[in-house]
C-alpha atoms as a PDB file:
ATOM      1  CA  MET A   1       0.000   0.000   0.000  1.00  0.00           C
ATOM      2  CA  PHE A   2       2.859   2.395   0.768  1.00  0.00           C
ATOM      3  CA  GLN A   3       4.142   1.868  -2.767  1.00  0.00           C
ATOM      4  CA  GLU A   4       0.771   2.917  -4.176  1.00  0.00           C
ATOM      5  CA  VAL A   5       0.596   5.970  -1.924  1.00  0.00           C
ATOM      6  CA  ARG A   6       4.120   7.079  -2.803  1.00  0.00           C
ATOM      7  CA  ALA A   7       3.210   6.809  -6.508  1.00  0.00           C
ATOM      8  CA  LEU A   8       0.575   9.532  -6.134  1.00  0.00           C
ATOM      9  CA  PRO A   9       1.322  12.707  -8.122  1.00  0.00           C
ATOM     10  CA  TYR A  10       1.980  14.829  -5.026  1.00  0.00           C
ATOM     11  CA  ALA A  11       4.555  14.734  -2.248  1.00  0.00           C
ATOM     12  CA  VAL A  12       3.893  11.940   0.291  1.00  0.00           C
ATOM     13  CA  VAL A  13       5.690  11.025   3.518  1.00  0.00           C
ATOM     14  CA  CYS A  14       5.000   7.862   5.546  1.00  0.00           C
ATOM     15  CA  THR A  15       5.260   8.070   9.325  1.00  0.00           C
ATOM     16  CA  ASP A  16       4.383   6.115  12.466  1.00  0.00           C
ATOM     17  CA  GLY A  17       3.709   7.587  15.891  1.00  0.00           C
ATOM     18  CA  GLY A  18       5.479   4.945  18.007  1.00  0.00           C
ATOM     19  CA  ASP A  19       4.765   1.952  20.273  1.00  0.00           C
ATOM     20  CA  PHE A  20       6.028  -0.497  17.677  1.00  0.00           C
ATOM     21  CA  ALA A  21       7.451  -2.850  20.348  1.00  0.00           C
ATOM     22  CA  PRO A  22       5.294  -5.587  21.933  1.00  0.00           C
ATOM     23  CA  ALA A  23       3.838  -5.334  25.420  1.00  0.00           C
ATOM     24  CA  GLN A  24       6.109  -6.334  28.300  1.00  0.00           C
ATOM     25  CA  THR A  25       3.696  -9.142  29.200  1.00  0.00           C
ATOM     26  CA  ASP A  26       3.867 -10.793  25.771  1.00  0.00           C
ATOM     27  CA  SER A  27       5.254 -14.318  26.068  1.00  0.00           C
ATOM     28  CA  HIS A  28       7.222 -13.932  22.808  1.00  0.00           C
ATOM     29  CA  LYS A  29       8.296 -10.345  23.585  1.00  0.00           C
ATOM     30  CA  VAL A  30      11.947 -10.585  22.504  1.00  0.00           C
ATOM     31  CA  ASP A  31      11.298 -12.522  19.293  1.00  0.00           C
ATOM     32  CA  ILE A  32       8.361 -10.302  18.311  1.00  0.00           C
ATOM     33  CA  ALA A  33      10.386  -7.152  18.970  1.00  0.00           C
ATOM     34  CA  GLU A  34      13.137  -8.262  16.582  1.00  0.00           C
ATOM     35  CA  PHE A  35      10.582  -9.370  14.001  1.00  0.00           C
ATOM     36  CA  LEU A  36       8.873  -5.975  14.132  1.00  0.00           C
ATOM     37  CA  LEU A  37      12.191  -4.196  13.559  1.00  0.00           C
ATOM     38  CA  GLU A  38      12.681  -6.238  10.400  1.00  0.00           C
ATOM     39  CA  GLY A  39       9.116  -5.633   9.220  1.00  0.00           C
ATOM     40  CA  LEU A  40       9.152  -1.889   9.832  1.00  0.00           C
ATOM     41  CA  ASN A  41      12.513  -1.594   8.096  1.00  0.00           C
ATOM     42  CA  ALA A  42      11.075  -3.344   5.031  1.00  0.00           C
ATOM     43  CA  MET A  43       8.236  -0.801   4.871  1.00  0.00           C
ATOM     44  CA  HIS A  44      10.611   2.156   4.326  1.00  0.00           C
ATOM     45  CA  TYR A  45       9.045   4.774   6.562  1.00  0.00           C
ATOM     46  CA  ASP A  46      10.320   8.343   6.366  1.00  0.00           C
ATOM     47  CA  ALA A  47      10.208   8.728  10.165  1.00  0.00           C
ATOM     48  CA  ILE A  48       9.019   6.749  13.183  1.00  0.00           C
ATOM     49  CA  GLY A  49       8.364   8.169  16.638  1.00  0.00           C
ATOM     50  CA  VAL A  50       9.005   6.258  19.855  1.00  0.00           C
ATOM     51  CA  GLY A  51       6.525   5.395  22.580  1.00  0.00           C
ATOM     52  CA  GLU A  52       6.793   4.201  26.142  1.00  0.00           C
ATOM     53  CA  MET A  53       6.476   0.551  25.029  1.00  0.00           C
ATOM     54  CA  ASP A  54       9.541   0.934  22.801  1.00  0.00           C
ATOM     55  CA  LEU A  55      11.612   2.641  25.496  1.00  0.00           C
ATOM     56  CA  ALA A  56      10.573   0.039  28.078  1.00  0.00           C
ATOM     57  CA  MET A  57      12.547  -2.507  26.031  1.00  0.00           C
ATOM     58  CA  GLY A  58      15.704  -0.766  27.254  1.00  0.00           C
ATOM     59  CA  PRO A  59      18.682   1.081  25.740  1.00  0.00           C
ATOM     60  CA  ALA A  60      20.188  -1.998  24.055  1.00  0.00           C
ATOM     61  CA  TYR A  61      17.009  -2.502  22.033  1.00  0.00           C
ATOM     62  CA  LEU A  62      16.850   1.222  21.304  1.00  0.00           C
ATOM     63  CA  HIS A  63      20.392   1.025  19.912  1.00  0.00           C
ATOM     64  CA  ARG A  64      19.324  -1.725  17.503  1.00  0.00           C
ATOM     65  CA  ALA A  65      16.158   0.130  16.589  1.00  0.00           C
ATOM     66  CA  VAL A  66      17.884   3.419  15.781  1.00  0.00           C
ATOM     67  CA  ALA A  67      20.426   1.568  13.637  1.00  0.00           C
ATOM     68  CA  THR A  68      17.580  -0.042  11.663  1.00  0.00           C
ATOM     69  CA  LEU A  69      14.729   2.470  11.596  1.00  0.00           C
ATOM     70  CA  PRO A  70      14.405   6.230  10.929  1.00  0.00           C
ATOM     71  CA  LEU A  71      13.538   7.030  14.542  1.00  0.00           C
ATOM     72  CA  VAL A  72      12.892  10.564  15.804  1.00  0.00           C
ATOM     73  CA  GLY A  73      12.802  11.607  19.441  1.00  0.00           C
ATOM     74  CA  ALA A  74      13.824  15.161  20.249  1.00  0.00           C
ATOM     75  CA  ASN A  75      13.686  14.595  24.010  1.00  0.00           C
ATOM     76  CA  VAL A  76      15.179  11.079  24.246  1.00  0.00           C
ATOM     77  CA  ARG A  77      18.749  10.462  25.446  1.00  0.00           C
ATOM     78  CA  PHE A  78      20.297   7.037  25.983  1.00  0.00           C
ATOM     79  CA  GLY A  79      23.523   5.042  26.273  1.00  0.00           C
ATOM     80  CA  PRO A  80      26.263   5.200  28.938  1.00  0.00           C
ATOM     81  CA  ALA A  81      26.086   8.531  30.783  1.00  0.00           C
ATOM     82  CA  LEU A  82      23.223   9.471  28.423  1.00  0.00           C
ATOM     83  CA  ALA A  83      25.815  10.497  25.842  1.00  0.00           C
ATOM     84  CA  GLU A  84      23.632   9.701  22.823  1.00  0.00           C
ATOM     85  CA  SER A  85      20.327  11.063  21.607  1.00  0.00           C
ATOM     86  CA  LEU A  86      17.737  10.244  19.007  1.00  0.00           C
ATOM     87  CA  PRO A  87      17.567  12.626  16.043  1.00  0.00           C
ATOM     88  CA  PRO A  88      15.104  15.426  16.923  1.00  0.00           C
ATOM     89  CA  PHE A  89      13.814  15.477  13.343  1.00  0.00           C
ATOM     90  CA  ARG A  90      14.399  13.997   9.915  1.00  0.00           C
ATOM     91  CA  TRP A  91      14.187  15.492   6.454  1.00  0.00           C
ATOM     92  CA  ALA A  92      12.320  14.037   3.502  1.00  0.00           C
ATOM     93  CA  GLU A  93      12.644  15.604   0.061  1.00  0.00           C
ATOM     94  CA  VAL A  94       9.771  14.393  -2.093  1.00  0.00           C
ATOM     95  CA  LYS A  95       8.680  15.674  -5.491  1.00  0.00           C
ATOM     96  CA  GLY A  96      10.288  19.047  -4.978  1.00  0.00           C
ATOM     97  CA  LYS A  97       8.968  19.531  -1.434  1.00  0.00           C
ATOM     98  CA  LYS A  98      11.137  19.600   1.681  1.00  0.00           C
ATOM     99  CA  VAL A  99       9.374  18.038   4.687  1.00  0.00           C
ATOM    100  CA  ALA A 100      10.697  18.077   8.256  1.00  0.00           C
ATOM    101  CA  ILE A 101       9.361  15.393  10.625  1.00  0.00           C
ATOM    102  CA  ILE A 102       9.807  15.963  14.371  1.00  0.00           C
ATOM    103  CA  GLY A 103       9.221  13.438  17.149  1.00  0.00           C
ATOM    104  CA  VAL A 104       8.646  13.917  20.897  1.00  0.00           C
ATOM    105  CA  ILE A 105       7.236  11.724  23.667  1.00  0.00           C
ATOM    106  CA  ASP A 106       5.493  12.888  26.816  1.00  0.00           C
ATOM    107  CA  PRO A 107       7.916  12.014  29.663  1.00  0.00           C
ATOM    108  CA  ILE A 108       4.987  11.245  31.969  1.00  0.00           C
ATOM    109  CA  LEU A 109       4.036   8.269  29.787  1.00  0.00           C
ATOM    110  CA  TYR A 110       7.561   6.890  29.946  1.00  0.00           C
ATOM    111  CA  PHE A 111       8.139   7.356  33.668  1.00  0.00           C
ATOM    112  CA  GLU A 112       4.804   5.711  34.443  1.00  0.00           C
ATOM    113  CA  SER A 113       5.912   2.579  32.565  1.00  0.00           C
ATOM    114  CA  PRO A 114       7.409  -0.374  34.515  1.00  0.00           C
ATOM    115  CA  GLY A 115      11.173  -0.212  35.066  1.00  0.00           C
ATOM    116  CA  ALA A 116      11.650   3.344  33.801  1.00  0.00           C
ATOM    117  CA  PHE A 117      13.319   4.644  36.956  1.00  0.00           C
ATOM    118  CA  VAL A 118      15.729   1.703  36.990  1.00  0.00           C
ATOM    119  CA  MET A 119      17.165   2.873  33.642  1.00  0.00           C
ATOM    120  CA  THR A 120      17.641   6.582  34.432  1.00  0.00           C
ATOM    121  CA  ASP A 121      21.425   6.324  34.036  1.00  0.00           C
ATOM    122  CA  SER A 122      21.113   4.921  30.501  1.00  0.00           C
ATOM    123  CA  LEU A 123      17.731   6.132  29.203  1.00  0.00           C
ATOM    124  CA  MET A 124      16.105   9.480  29.895  1.00  0.00           C
ATOM    125  CA  VAL A 125      13.148  11.404  28.483  1.00  0.00           C
ATOM    126  CA  GLY A 126      13.319  15.168  28.893  1.00  0.00           C
ATOM    127  CA  ASP A 127      10.879  18.043  28.601  1.00  0.00           C
ATOM    128  CA  ALA A 128       8.742  17.654  25.471  1.00  0.00           C
ATOM    129  CA  THR A 129       7.769  21.319  25.146  1.00  0.00           C
ATOM    130  CA  ALA A 130      11.345  22.610  25.185  1.00  0.00           C
ATOM    131  CA  ALA A 131      12.487  19.877  22.781  1.00  0.00           C
ATOM    132  CA  LEU A 132       9.672  20.599  20.334  1.00  0.00           C
ATOM    133  CA  LYS A 133      10.370  24.342  20.386  1.00  0.00           C
ATOM    134  CA  ASP A 134      14.102  23.804  19.884  1.00  0.00           C
ATOM    135  CA  ALA A 135      13.511  21.494  16.919  1.00  0.00           C
ATOM    136  CA  LEU A 136      11.143  24.000  15.306  1.00  0.00           C
ATOM    137  CA  ARG A 137      13.716  26.762  15.717  1.00  0.00           C
ATOM    138  CA  GLN A 138      16.382  24.610  14.081  1.00  0.00           C
ATOM    139  CA  ILE A 139      14.071  23.897  11.152  1.00  0.00           C
ATOM    140  CA  GLY A 140      13.025  27.528  10.812  1.00  0.00           C
ATOM    141  CA  THR A 141      11.954  28.430   7.297  1.00  0.00           C
ATOM    142  CA  LYS A 142      13.914  25.641   5.619  1.00  0.00           C
ATOM    143  CA  ALA A 143      10.897  23.283   5.408  1.00  0.00           C
ATOM    144  CA  ASP A 144       7.902  23.536   3.108  1.00  0.00           C
ATOM    145  CA  VAL A 145       5.904  21.380   5.530  1.00  0.00           C
ATOM    146  CA  VAL A 146       6.546  20.386   9.161  1.00  0.00           C
ATOM    147  CA  VAL A 147       5.024  17.205  10.622  1.00  0.00           C
ATOM    148  CA  ALA A 148       5.198  16.523  14.375  1.00  0.00           C
ATOM    149  CA  LEU A 149       4.784  13.032  15.816  1.00  0.00           C
ATOM    150  CA  ILE A 150       3.672  13.627  19.407  1.00  0.00           C
ATOM    151  CA  HIS A 151       3.491  10.476  21.496  1.00  0.00           C
ATOM    152  CA  ALA A 152       1.147  11.606  24.266  1.00  0.00           C
ATOM    153  CA  ASP A 153      -2.487  11.360  25.214  1.00  0.00           C
ATOM    154  CA  ARG A 154      -4.634  13.726  23.196  1.00  0.00           C
ATOM    155  CA  THR A 155      -5.161  16.294  25.959  1.00  0.00           C
ATOM    156  CA  ARG A 156      -1.430  16.574  26.580  1.00  0.00           C
ATOM    157  CA  ALA A 157      -0.685  16.748  22.843  1.00  0.00           C
ATOM    158  CA  LEU A 158      -3.099  19.666  22.450  1.00  0.00           C
ATOM    159  CA  GLU A 159      -1.403  21.441  25.366  1.00  0.00           C
ATOM    160  CA  LEU A 160       1.951  21.064  23.595  1.00  0.00           C
ATOM    161  CA  ILE A 161       0.534  22.497  20.381  1.00  0.00           C
ATOM    162  CA  ARG A 162      -0.986  25.490  22.159  1.00  0.00           C
ATOM    163  CA  SER A 163       2.335  26.166  23.909  1.00  0.00           C
ATOM    164  CA  LEU A 164       3.769  27.029  20.478  1.00  0.00           C
ATOM    165  CA  SER A 165       1.498  30.042  19.952  1.00  0.00           C
ATOM    166  CA  ASP A 166       4.403  32.489  20.380  1.00  0.00           C
ATOM    167  CA  GLU A 167       6.804  30.546  18.156  1.00  0.00           C
ATOM    168  CA  PRO A 168       7.516  31.789  14.613  1.00  0.00           C
ATOM    169  CA  ARG A 169       6.802  28.323  13.250  1.00  0.00           C
ATOM    170  CA  ALA A 170       4.355  25.609  14.302  1.00  0.00           C
ATOM    171  CA  PRO A 171       3.863  22.122  12.847  1.00  0.00           C
ATOM    172  CA  ASP A 172       1.559  22.050   9.844  1.00  0.00           C
ATOM    173  CA  VAL A 173       0.395  18.554  10.811  1.00  0.00           C
ATOM    174  CA  VAL A 174       0.470  16.798  14.193  1.00  0.00           C
ATOM    175  CA  VAL A 175      -0.016  13.049  14.556  1.00  0.00           C
ATOM    176  CA  VAL A 176      -1.011  11.952  18.071  1.00  0.00           C
ATOM    177  CA  GLY A 177       0.764   8.651  18.511  1.00  0.00           C
ATOM    178  CA  HIS A 178      -0.413   7.237  21.835  1.00  0.00           C
ATOM    179  CA  GLU A 179      -4.152   6.731  22.176  1.00  0.00           C
ATOM    180  CA  PRO A 180      -5.470   4.062  19.764  1.00  0.00           C
ATOM    181  CA  MET A 181      -8.996   5.422  20.046  1.00  0.00           C
ATOM    182  CA  GLY A 182      -9.544   6.882  16.601  1.00  0.00           C
ATOM    183  CA  PRO A 183      -9.481   7.535  13.904  1.00  0.00           C
ATOM    184  CA  ARG A 184     -10.724  11.063  14.375  1.00  0.00           C
ATOM    185  CA  ALA A 185     -11.085  13.497  11.526  1.00  0.00           C
ATOM    186  CA  GLU A 186      -8.601  16.311  11.322  1.00  0.00           C
ATOM    187  CA  GLU A 187      -9.029  19.149  13.793  1.00  0.00           C
ATOM    188  CA  LYS A 188      -7.400  22.569  13.473  1.00  0.00           C
ATOM    189  CA  VAL A 189      -5.695  23.605  16.709  1.00  0.00           C
ATOM    190  CA  ASP A 190      -4.053  27.001  16.451  1.00  0.00           C
ATOM    191  CA  ARG A 191      -1.923  26.662  13.304  1.00  0.00           C
ATOM    192  CA  SER A 192      -1.762  22.840  13.190  1.00  0.00           C
ATOM    193  CA  PHE A 193      -3.984  20.116  11.776  1.00  0.00           C
ATOM    194  CA  VAL A 194      -4.232  17.326  14.380  1.00  0.00           C
ATOM    195  CA  LEU A 195      -4.795  13.695  13.396  1.00  0.00           C
ATOM    196  CA  GLN A 196      -5.750  10.796  15.658  1.00  0.00           C
ATOM    197  CA  PRO A 197      -4.613   7.335  14.500  1.00  0.00           C
ATOM    198  CA  GLY A 198      -6.957   4.394  14.452  1.00  0.00           C
ATOM    199  CA  PRO A 199      -6.716   1.279  16.632  1.00  0.00           C
ATOM    200  CA  ARG A 200      -3.224  -0.128  16.808  1.00  0.00           C
ATOM    201  CA  SER A 201      -2.115  -1.950  13.653  1.00  0.00           C
ATOM    202  CA  GLN A 202      -5.655  -2.000  12.263  1.00  0.00           C
ATOM    203  CA  GLU A 203      -5.848   1.117  10.103  1.00  0.00           C
ATOM    204  CA  ILE A 204      -3.780   3.449   7.967  1.00  0.00           C
ATOM    205  CA  SER A 205      -4.696   7.120   7.542  1.00  0.00           C
ATOM    206  CA  LEU A 206      -3.901   9.212   4.471  1.00  0.00           C
ATOM    207  CA  PHE A 207      -4.078  12.952   5.139  1.00  0.00           C
ATOM    208  CA  THR A 208      -3.696  15.349   2.220  1.00  0.00           C
ATOM    209  CA  MET A 209      -3.359  19.123   2.084  1.00  0.00           C
ATOM    210  CA  THR A 210      -3.975  21.096  -1.087  1.00  0.00           C
ATOM    211  CA  TYR A 211      -2.271  24.480  -1.287  1.00  0.00           C
ATOM    212  CA  ALA A 212      -3.028  27.668  -3.172  1.00  0.00           C
ATOM    213  CA  ASP A 213       0.286  29.540  -3.106  1.00  0.00           C
ATOM    214  CA  THR A 214       1.241  29.268   0.598  1.00  0.00           C
ATOM    215  CA  SER A 215      -2.282  28.864   2.007  1.00  0.00           C
ATOM    216  CA  VAL A 216      -4.040  25.553   2.611  1.00  0.00           C
ATOM    217  CA  LEU A 217      -7.008  25.474   0.260  1.00  0.00           C
ATOM    218  CA  ARG A 218      -8.521  22.209   1.487  1.00  0.00           C
ATOM    219  CA  THR A 219      -7.710  19.053   3.445  1.00  0.00           C
ATOM    220  CA  ASN A 220      -8.895  15.462   3.281  1.00  0.00           C
ATOM    221  CA  LEU A 221      -8.522  12.455   5.588  1.00  0.00           C
ATOM    222  CA  GLN A 222      -9.013   8.918   4.252  1.00  0.00           C
ATOM    223  CA  VAL A 223      -8.875   5.851   6.483  1.00  0.00           C
ATOM    224  CA  TYR A 224      -8.075   2.360   5.203  1.00  0.00           C
ATOM    225  CA  ARG A 225      -8.808  -0.727   7.285  1.00  0.00           C
ATOM    226  CA  LEU A 226      -5.993  -3.203   6.766  1.00  0.00           C
ATOM    227  CA  SER A 227      -8.409  -6.116   7.037  1.00  0.00           C
ATOM    228  CA  ALA A 228     -10.223  -4.804   3.945  1.00  0.00           C
ATOM    229  CA  LEU A 229      -7.152  -4.895   1.715  1.00  0.00           C
ATOM    230  CA  THR A 230      -7.368  -7.690  -0.820  1.00  0.00           C
ATOM    231  CA  ALA A 231      -3.680  -8.643  -0.632  1.00  0.00           C
ATOM    232  CA  GLY A 232      -0.633  -7.902   1.444  1.00  0.00           C
ATOM    233  CA  GLU A 233       2.933  -7.202   0.426  1.00  0.00           C
ATOM    234  CA  PRO A 234       4.495 -10.561  -0.619  1.00  0.00           C
ATOM    235  CA  MET A 235       7.765 -10.115   1.300  1.00  0.00           C
ATOM    236  CA  LEU A 236       6.026  -9.038   4.513  1.00  0.00           C
ATOM    237  CA  ASP A 237       3.469 -11.834   4.167  1.00  0.00           C
ATOM    238  CA  ALA A 238       6.278 -14.375   3.808  1.00  0.00           C
ATOM    239  CA  MET A 239       8.084 -12.961   6.874  1.00  0.00           C
ATOM    240  CA  THR A 240       4.886 -13.154   8.909  1.00  0.00           C
ATOM    241  CA  LYS A 241       4.092 -16.726   7.904  1.00  0.00           C
ATOM    242  CA  ALA A 242       7.639 -17.867   8.687  1.00  0.00           C
ATOM    243  CA  PHE A 243       7.484 -16.231  12.123  1.00  0.00           C
ATOM    244  CA  GLN A 244       4.085 -17.767  12.889  1.00  0.00           C
ATOM    245  CA  ALA A 245       5.292 -21.217  11.840  1.00  0.00           C
ATOM    246  CA  LYS A 246       8.431 -20.934  13.985  1.00  0.00           C
ATOM    247  CA  HIS A 247       6.440 -20.042  17.104  1.00  0.00           C
ATOM    248  CA  GLY A 248       3.435 -22.295  16.503  1.00  0.00           C
ATOM    249  CA  MET A 249       1.016 -19.436  15.894  1.00  0.00           C
ATOM    250  CA  GLN A 250      -0.666 -20.861  12.784  1.00  0.00           C
END
C-alpha cells in the first residue's frame, strides 16, 4: 500500500507515531520485537516516533532500533552517561517539497511505565515542550511542511501544540501517537492540523493538504482498514508466515 501511496502525483511522507514494540507481558516479547524491527525496516518509513512501550525494552534494544529504523525523538537520550540522543527530526525531500518530521514523547508516559526509573542512568526522556520548540527553531523556514509526531495522550498533545502560539513556526500537521482510540477526523488547533490514528495496527490514515500559493485550500482524511485490503505485500506476508510457523502461531 505504501508503494501505491508514494506513486501519487503529489509529495507523500509515511510516518508512524510509536509503540512499535510488543507489550512487556507478551510471552514472545523478545522474538516479536526483533521481528517488528525487520518488518518496519522493510516498509521504508520516512520517520518513526518512539513510545513508552519501545523505550521500556531498554537502551540496548533502542540502539538496535535506531540503527535499523528512521527514529525521531527530540527529548530522548540514551547510552552510557546518556551520551547519545535520538535525532530530533528527519528530512524528507519528495517531489520538490522539503518536509521536516519531528518526534517527541510525553515524559509522563515513559516514567509511568514499569522499570523506567531503573534505567535513568542509561535512558532518559526530557521536557517535550522545550524539545519541540528547539527542533522547530532549528528547522526555521527551511521546510515547506513540518510534521510533528507527538506520542502523548490527546489532551497533553493539544497542550503542547498550544504552547507554540508564540513561536515563529508551528507544525503544519500533528499526529497523536499514543491513544489508539480513533481515527478522528482532522481538527485545526491554532496553526496545526491534528490527526488521531486508528486502533493499533488495524488502520492506515492518508491525510492530504492542497495548497493555493502558501495557504491551505482544502484538506482530506481517508482511512483504510488493513483487514479490507485484498492482498498484502508478498515479502512481509512471507516474513509473517515464517514467524508464525516458527512459534506455533498458525
